[in-house]
Amino acid sequence: MTRTHRLDAGLVHQEWNNAIAPRLVIDPGDTVVFDTRDASDGYYAPASTHADVLGRGPFRGHPLTGPVRVRGAAPGDVLVVEVLEVRPAASFGWTAIRPGRGLLPEADFPEPYLQIWDLSDGRHARMGRGIAVPIEAFPGVMGTALDEPGGHSTMPPRKNGGNMDVKQLTAGSTLYLPVWVEGALFSVGDAHAAQGDGEVCVTAVEMMAQVTLRFGLDEGRRLPEPRLRVSGTLSPGTHRGPWFATTAHGPDLFAAAQQATRYMIEHLVEERGLSREEAYIVSSVAVDLKISEIVDAPHWIVSAFLPESIFS
């Protein structure tokens, strides 16, 4: 018989390390309701200010809830993670600009900036100025333990999943994670209320969350990296349109992504009256970067799509 378990966020870990003892042992088919801390480990509050961004100190790793050991999981298997529900566990979220981090360099944004979002209605993240981004919540980090010994940073995505920030991993989606160690040792955290594809300023609408996941096991499937399935429309909250897009071309996709984002910031400042910092924040939580063309050498095209439905 399958069971539903609860795992609180009273104890977290901030690295991938297969020596960390599991907090919970489950069977395939079981469901776990995870409480997760936000990416700042609870540092920010509704009254926090721009000065608090640098006061937080260096990043030490995402606080992750887990690990969870899945009975029977072995290297070469695939852990099947069904996302059943992700919801805010507090009435606010936050997005921060930290100079030198994110897609654009410190020269573009030399000062720290913090945006506090109102999540209290459970449907939209609101920042004022008539901007309401639909809440399409997902865990930014879901992963199994690595097969390399020692501690490994949670910042980059890896073959175990980790900090993938795939915004389509909302309720109704399924994530397929390679199993690298006995028991899989799954952990989750870094929930986002909303995010654009690219998360360009390095933070989305970060939030504390309750994440409900159901676990299955595909024995011997052997995936080299994660895969996922989405059951419905991508980004249904903004699917209705209209959209505005900027484009940039060149031989370097990273540089083109930077330029398309700069053009979007210019657009938001000129046509929507936002400050440059507000425009960068909106670009991070709502604008989707897309590789529109990558076959006509020597130049490729990156597009940045803004859902104009977020403006009242």
Protein backbone atom coordinates (compact mmCIF):
# COMPACT_ATOMS: atom_id res chain seq x y z
CA MET A 1 0.00 0.00 0.00
CA THR A 2 1.34 3.43 -0.94
CA ARG A 3 1.73 6.07 1.74
CA THR A 4 1.92 9.86 2.05
CA HIS A 5 4.79 11.24 4.12
CA ARG A 6 5.62 14.74 5.40
CA LEU A 7 9.12 16.18 5.57
CA ASP A 8 9.58 19.54 7.24
CA ALA A 9 12.30 22.12 6.60
CA GLY A 10 13.64 22.08 10.14
CA LEU A 11 16.84 20.46 8.89
CA VAL A 12 18.31 21.26 5.46
CA HIS A 13 21.56 20.64 3.60
CA GLN A 14 23.32 23.03 1.23
CA GLU A 15 25.47 20.79 -0.94
CA TRP A 16 25.24 17.59 -2.98
CA ASN A 17 26.99 14.96 -0.89
CA ASN A 18 26.12 11.27 -1.00
CA ALA A 19 27.40 10.87 2.57
CA ILE A 20 24.47 12.88 3.98
CA ALA A 21 22.16 10.49 5.80
CA PRO A 22 18.58 10.25 4.49
CA ARG A 23 15.91 11.92 6.58
CA LEU A 24 13.16 9.70 5.18
CA VAL A 25 12.91 6.25 3.56
CA ILE A 26 10.01 5.57 1.18
CA ASP A 27 8.78 2.97 -1.29
CA PRO A 28 8.13 3.55 -5.01
CA GLY A 29 4.58 4.85 -5.39
CA ASP A 30 4.74 6.90 -2.18
CA THR A 31 3.99 10.62 -2.00
CA VAL A 32 6.00 13.13 0.03
CA VAL A 33 4.86 16.61 1.09
CA PHE A 34 8.02 18.70 1.46
CA ASP A 35 8.31 22.01 3.26
CA THR A 36 11.09 24.05 1.62
CA ARG A 37 12.96 27.18 2.57
CA ASP A 38 13.58 29.94 0.04
CA ALA A 39 16.94 30.41 -1.68
CA SER A 40 18.05 32.98 0.94
CA ASP A 41 17.39 30.49 3.77
CA GLY A 42 14.82 32.86 5.24
CA TYR A 43 17.10 35.90 5.21
CA TYR A 44 14.63 38.30 3.55
CA ALA A 45 11.40 39.62 5.03
CA PRO A 46 8.66 41.95 3.71
CA ALA A 47 10.48 44.94 5.27
CA SER A 48 13.89 44.10 3.76
CA THR A 49 15.66 46.81 1.73
CA HIS A 50 18.16 47.08 -1.13
CA ALA A 51 20.99 47.32 1.41
CA ASP A 52 20.16 43.84 2.68
CA VAL A 53 21.20 42.28 -0.65
CA LEU A 54 24.90 42.78 0.05
CA GLY A 55 24.40 42.32 3.78
CA ARG A 56 23.36 38.74 3.16
CA GLY A 57 26.95 37.72 2.42
CA PRO A 58 28.20 35.13 -0.08
CA PHE A 59 25.98 32.34 -1.40
CA ARG A 60 26.56 29.11 0.57
CA GLY A 61 24.24 26.80 -1.35
CA HIS A 62 20.51 26.30 -1.79
CA PRO A 63 18.85 25.02 1.40
CA LEU A 64 17.45 21.64 0.35
CA THR A 65 14.90 19.44 2.09
CA GLY A 66 15.96 15.80 2.12
CA PRO A 67 17.58 13.49 1.26
CA VAL A 68 14.84 10.91 0.70
CA ARG A 69 15.94 7.32 0.16
CA VAL A 70 13.79 5.29 -2.24
CA ARG A 71 13.83 1.57 -1.50
CA GLY A 72 15.08 -0.50 -4.43
CA ALA A 73 16.59 2.42 -6.36
CA ALA A 74 20.01 1.53 -7.75
CA PRO A 75 22.55 3.08 -10.12
CA GLY A 76 21.29 2.75 -13.68
CA ASP A 77 17.64 3.22 -12.68
CA VAL A 78 15.52 6.32 -13.24
CA LEU A 79 13.64 8.08 -10.45
CA VAL A 80 10.24 9.23 -11.74
CA VAL A 81 9.12 12.38 -9.92
CA GLU A 82 5.52 13.49 -10.46
CA VAL A 83 4.88 17.09 -9.41
CA LEU A 84 1.45 17.08 -7.79
CA GLU A 85 1.35 20.53 -6.17
CA VAL A 86 3.61 23.51 -5.48
CA ARG A 87 2.22 26.38 -3.45
CA PRO A 88 3.58 29.39 -1.56
CA ALA A 89 4.12 28.87 2.16
CA ALA A 90 4.32 32.60 2.89
CA SER A 91 2.53 35.73 1.72
CA PHE A 92 5.60 37.25 0.04
CA GLY A 93 8.44 36.42 -2.33
CA TRP A 94 11.53 38.29 -3.44
CA THR A 95 13.80 38.98 -6.41
CA ALA A 96 17.28 40.47 -6.03
CA ILE A 97 19.87 42.04 -8.30
CA ARG A 98 23.34 41.35 -6.98
CA PRO A 99 26.11 43.18 -8.90
CA GLY A 100 28.30 40.79 -10.88
CA ARG A 101 25.76 37.96 -10.81
CA GLY A 102 23.25 37.04 -13.50
CA LEU A 103 23.27 37.42 -17.27
CA LEU A 104 24.33 41.08 -17.38
CA PRO A 105 27.67 42.21 -15.94
CA GLU A 106 28.27 44.53 -13.02
CA ALA A 107 28.85 47.41 -15.43
CA ASP A 108 25.16 47.21 -16.41
CA PHE A 109 23.85 47.04 -12.83
CA PRO A 110 26.48 48.20 -10.32
CA GLU A 111 24.10 48.62 -7.36
CA PRO A 112 22.12 46.00 -5.40
CA TYR A 113 18.35 46.00 -5.74
CA LEU A 114 15.59 44.08 -3.98
CA GLN A 115 11.98 43.61 -5.04
CA ILE A 116 9.46 42.21 -2.55
CA TRP A 117 6.43 40.57 -4.19
CA ASP A 118 2.95 40.19 -2.72
CA LEU A 119 1.81 36.56 -3.06
CA SER A 120 -1.11 36.82 -0.66
CA ASP A 121 -3.92 36.09 -3.13
CA GLY A 122 -2.29 32.83 -4.21
CA ARG A 123 -2.84 33.58 -7.91
CA HIS A 124 -0.47 36.42 -8.82
CA ALA A 125 2.88 37.81 -7.76
CA ARG A 126 2.35 41.57 -7.50
CA MET A 127 5.10 44.21 -7.43
CA GLY A 128 2.99 47.34 -7.75
CA ARG A 129 2.94 49.65 -10.79
CA GLY A 130 0.10 47.53 -12.17
CA ILE A 131 2.30 44.46 -12.66
CA ALA A 132 0.82 41.07 -11.72
CA VAL A 133 2.67 37.95 -12.87
CA PRO A 134 0.62 34.73 -12.72
CA ILE A 135 1.87 32.31 -10.07
CA GLU A 136 3.09 29.20 -11.88
CA ALA A 137 5.07 27.69 -9.03
CA PHE A 138 7.79 25.07 -9.38
CA PRO A 139 10.88 23.82 -7.51
CA GLY A 140 14.05 25.29 -8.99
CA VAL A 141 16.11 22.43 -7.53
CA MET A 142 15.23 18.74 -7.66
CA GLY A 143 17.96 16.16 -7.78
CA THR A 144 19.43 12.85 -6.77
CA ALA A 145 22.81 12.41 -5.08
CA LEU A 146 25.93 12.32 -7.25
CA ASP A 147 28.21 9.31 -7.46
CA GLU A 148 31.33 11.42 -6.87
CA PRO A 149 32.43 11.60 -3.21
CA GLY A 150 32.54 14.78 -1.16
CA GLY A 151 30.55 18.00 -1.29
CA HIS A 152 29.47 19.65 -4.55
CA SER A 153 27.91 23.09 -5.03
CA THR A 154 24.17 23.29 -5.64
CA MET A 155 24.58 26.32 -7.91
CA PRO A 156 25.17 24.73 -11.34
CA PRO A 157 22.83 22.16 -12.88
CA ARG A 158 24.38 18.71 -13.15
CA LYS A 159 23.76 15.19 -14.44
CA ASN A 160 21.69 14.57 -11.29
CA GLY A 161 19.31 17.45 -12.07
CA GLY A 162 19.90 19.97 -9.34
CA ASN A 163 19.51 23.69 -10.03
CA MET A 164 17.88 23.32 -13.46
CA ASP A 165 15.31 26.12 -12.98
CA VAL A 166 13.04 24.61 -15.64
CA LYS A 167 9.92 26.68 -15.12
CA GLN A 168 7.69 24.10 -16.83
CA LEU A 169 8.13 21.70 -13.86
CA THR A 170 4.84 22.87 -12.38
CA ALA A 171 2.00 20.70 -11.05
CA GLY A 172 1.11 18.05 -13.61
CA SER A 173 4.63 17.61 -14.94
CA THR A 174 6.94 14.62 -14.50
CA LEU A 175 10.71 14.72 -14.07
CA TYR A 176 12.91 11.72 -14.90
CA LEU A 177 16.15 11.74 -12.90
CA PRO A 178 19.09 9.35 -13.32
CA VAL A 179 19.90 7.37 -10.17
CA TRP A 180 23.63 7.45 -9.41
CA VAL A 181 23.76 5.94 -5.89
CA GLU A 182 21.84 3.33 -3.92
CA GLY A 183 18.49 4.73 -2.78
CA ALA A 184 18.68 7.74 -5.15
CA LEU A 185 18.85 10.18 -2.19
CA PHE A 186 16.50 12.83 -3.58
CA SER A 187 16.34 16.44 -2.35
CA VAL A 188 14.27 19.50 -3.32
CA GLY A 189 14.26 23.26 -2.74
CA ASP A 190 14.60 26.75 -4.27
CA ALA A 191 10.90 27.11 -5.13
CA HIS A 192 9.81 29.91 -7.46
CA ALA A 193 6.39 31.51 -7.70
CA ALA A 194 7.16 32.74 -11.23
CA GLN A 195 10.14 32.85 -13.57
CA GLY A 196 11.00 33.69 -17.14
CA ASP A 197 12.97 31.20 -19.21
CA GLY A 198 16.53 32.29 -18.51
CA GLU A 199 16.06 33.77 -14.99
CA VAL A 200 18.33 36.54 -16.25
CA CYS A 201 19.06 38.49 -13.04
CA VAL A 202 19.86 35.14 -11.27
CA THR A 203 16.73 35.17 -9.08
CA ALA A 204 13.07 34.56 -9.89
CA VAL A 205 10.15 35.22 -7.53
CA GLU A 206 11.84 33.25 -4.76
CA MET A 207 9.58 31.82 -2.08
CA MET A 208 9.11 29.39 0.77
CA ALA A 209 6.92 26.56 -0.44
CA GLN A 210 5.07 23.34 0.16
CA VAL A 211 5.95 20.86 -2.59
CA THR A 212 4.02 17.61 -3.05
CA LEU A 213 5.75 14.93 -5.13
CA ARG A 214 4.99 11.29 -5.96
CA PHE A 215 7.89 8.93 -6.66
CA GLY A 216 8.18 6.01 -9.04
CA LEU A 217 11.06 3.89 -10.28
CA ASP A 218 12.02 2.76 -13.80
CA GLU A 219 14.55 0.00 -13.29
CA GLY A 220 17.48 -0.22 -15.70
CA ARG A 221 16.38 2.68 -17.90
CA ARG A 222 19.80 4.40 -17.76
CA LEU A 223 19.42 8.07 -18.65
CA PRO A 224 22.60 10.16 -18.96
CA GLU A 225 20.81 13.37 -17.89
CA PRO A 226 17.34 14.43 -16.72
CA ARG A 227 14.27 14.55 -18.95
CA LEU A 228 10.74 15.79 -18.32
CA ARG A 229 7.19 15.58 -19.57
CA VAL A 230 4.65 18.41 -19.35
CA SER A 231 1.00 17.38 -19.43
CA GLY A 232 -0.54 20.60 -20.77
CA THR A 233 0.17 24.02 -22.21
CA LEU A 234 3.52 25.60 -21.46
CA SER A 235 3.04 28.65 -19.20
CA PRO A 236 -0.79 28.58 -19.21
CA GLY A 237 -0.99 31.75 -17.10
CA THR A 238 0.32 33.87 -19.98
CA HIS A 239 -0.59 31.67 -22.94
CA ARG A 240 -3.42 33.97 -24.04
CA GLY A 241 -1.10 36.78 -25.18
CA PRO A 242 -0.38 39.44 -26.34
CA TRP A 243 3.42 39.30 -26.46
CA PHE A 244 6.21 41.74 -27.32
CA ALA A 245 9.67 40.49 -28.32
CA THR A 246 13.14 41.87 -28.84
CA THR A 247 15.81 40.08 -30.90
CA ALA A 248 19.58 40.07 -31.09
CA HIS A 249 21.92 38.30 -33.50
CA GLY A 250 25.54 37.22 -33.54
CA PRO A 251 27.92 34.27 -33.50
CA ASP A 252 27.74 33.86 -29.69
CA LEU A 253 24.44 32.74 -28.13
CA PHE A 254 25.38 34.07 -24.69
CA ALA A 255 26.24 37.52 -26.04
CA ALA A 256 23.05 37.53 -28.12
CA ALA A 257 21.01 36.63 -25.04
CA GLN A 258 22.62 39.53 -23.18
CA GLN A 259 21.81 41.95 -25.99
CA ALA A 260 18.21 40.78 -26.41
CA THR A 261 17.78 41.31 -22.66
CA ARG A 262 19.29 44.80 -22.84
CA TYR A 263 16.87 45.66 -25.64
CA MET A 264 13.97 44.38 -23.52
CA ILE A 265 15.09 46.50 -20.58
CA GLU A 266 15.21 49.55 -22.88
CA HIS A 267 11.68 48.74 -24.09
CA LEU A 268 10.28 48.40 -20.56
CA VAL A 269 11.88 51.69 -19.50
CA GLU A 270 10.72 53.62 -22.57
CA GLU A 271 7.22 52.20 -23.05
CA ARG A 272 6.23 51.10 -19.52
CA GLY A 273 8.00 53.75 -17.46
CA LEU A 274 9.90 51.29 -15.29
CA SER A 275 13.30 51.99 -13.79
CA ARG A 276 16.15 49.98 -15.29
CA GLU A 277 16.27 47.86 -12.13
CA GLU A 278 12.54 47.17 -12.26
CA ALA A 279 12.85 46.26 -15.94
CA TYR A 280 15.65 43.78 -15.20
CA ILE A 281 13.54 42.25 -12.42
CA VAL A 282 10.54 41.88 -14.75
CA SER A 283 12.79 40.36 -17.41
CA SER A 284 13.97 37.75 -14.92
CA VAL A 285 10.55 36.71 -13.65
CA ALA A 286 8.39 37.01 -16.79
CA VAL A 287 10.42 37.28 -20.03
CA ASP A 288 11.21 34.05 -21.92
CA LEU A 289 14.50 33.80 -23.79
CA LYS A 290 14.33 31.59 -26.90
CA ILE A 291 16.86 30.35 -29.42
CA SER A 292 14.88 31.29 -32.49
CA GLU A 293 17.49 30.22 -35.06
CA ILE A 294 20.82 28.41 -34.85
CA VAL A 295 21.45 27.08 -38.36
CA ASP A 296 22.35 30.06 -40.54
CA ALA A 297 26.04 30.62 -39.88
CA PRO A 298 27.75 32.79 -38.93
CA HIS A 299 24.92 34.40 -36.93
CA TRP A 300 22.23 33.00 -34.65
CA ILE A 301 19.09 34.71 -33.28
CA VAL A 302 18.00 34.95 -29.64
CA SER A 303 14.55 36.38 -28.91
CA ALA A 304 13.19 37.72 -25.62
CA PHE A 305 9.39 37.40 -25.31
CA LEU A 306 7.45 39.57 -22.86
CA PRO A 307 3.88 38.54 -21.93
CA GLU A 308 2.06 41.88 -21.95
CA SER A 309 -0.83 40.35 -20.02
CA ILE A 310 1.13 40.96 -16.80
CA PHE A 311 0.32 44.68 -17.06
CA SER A 312 -3.06 45.88 -15.85
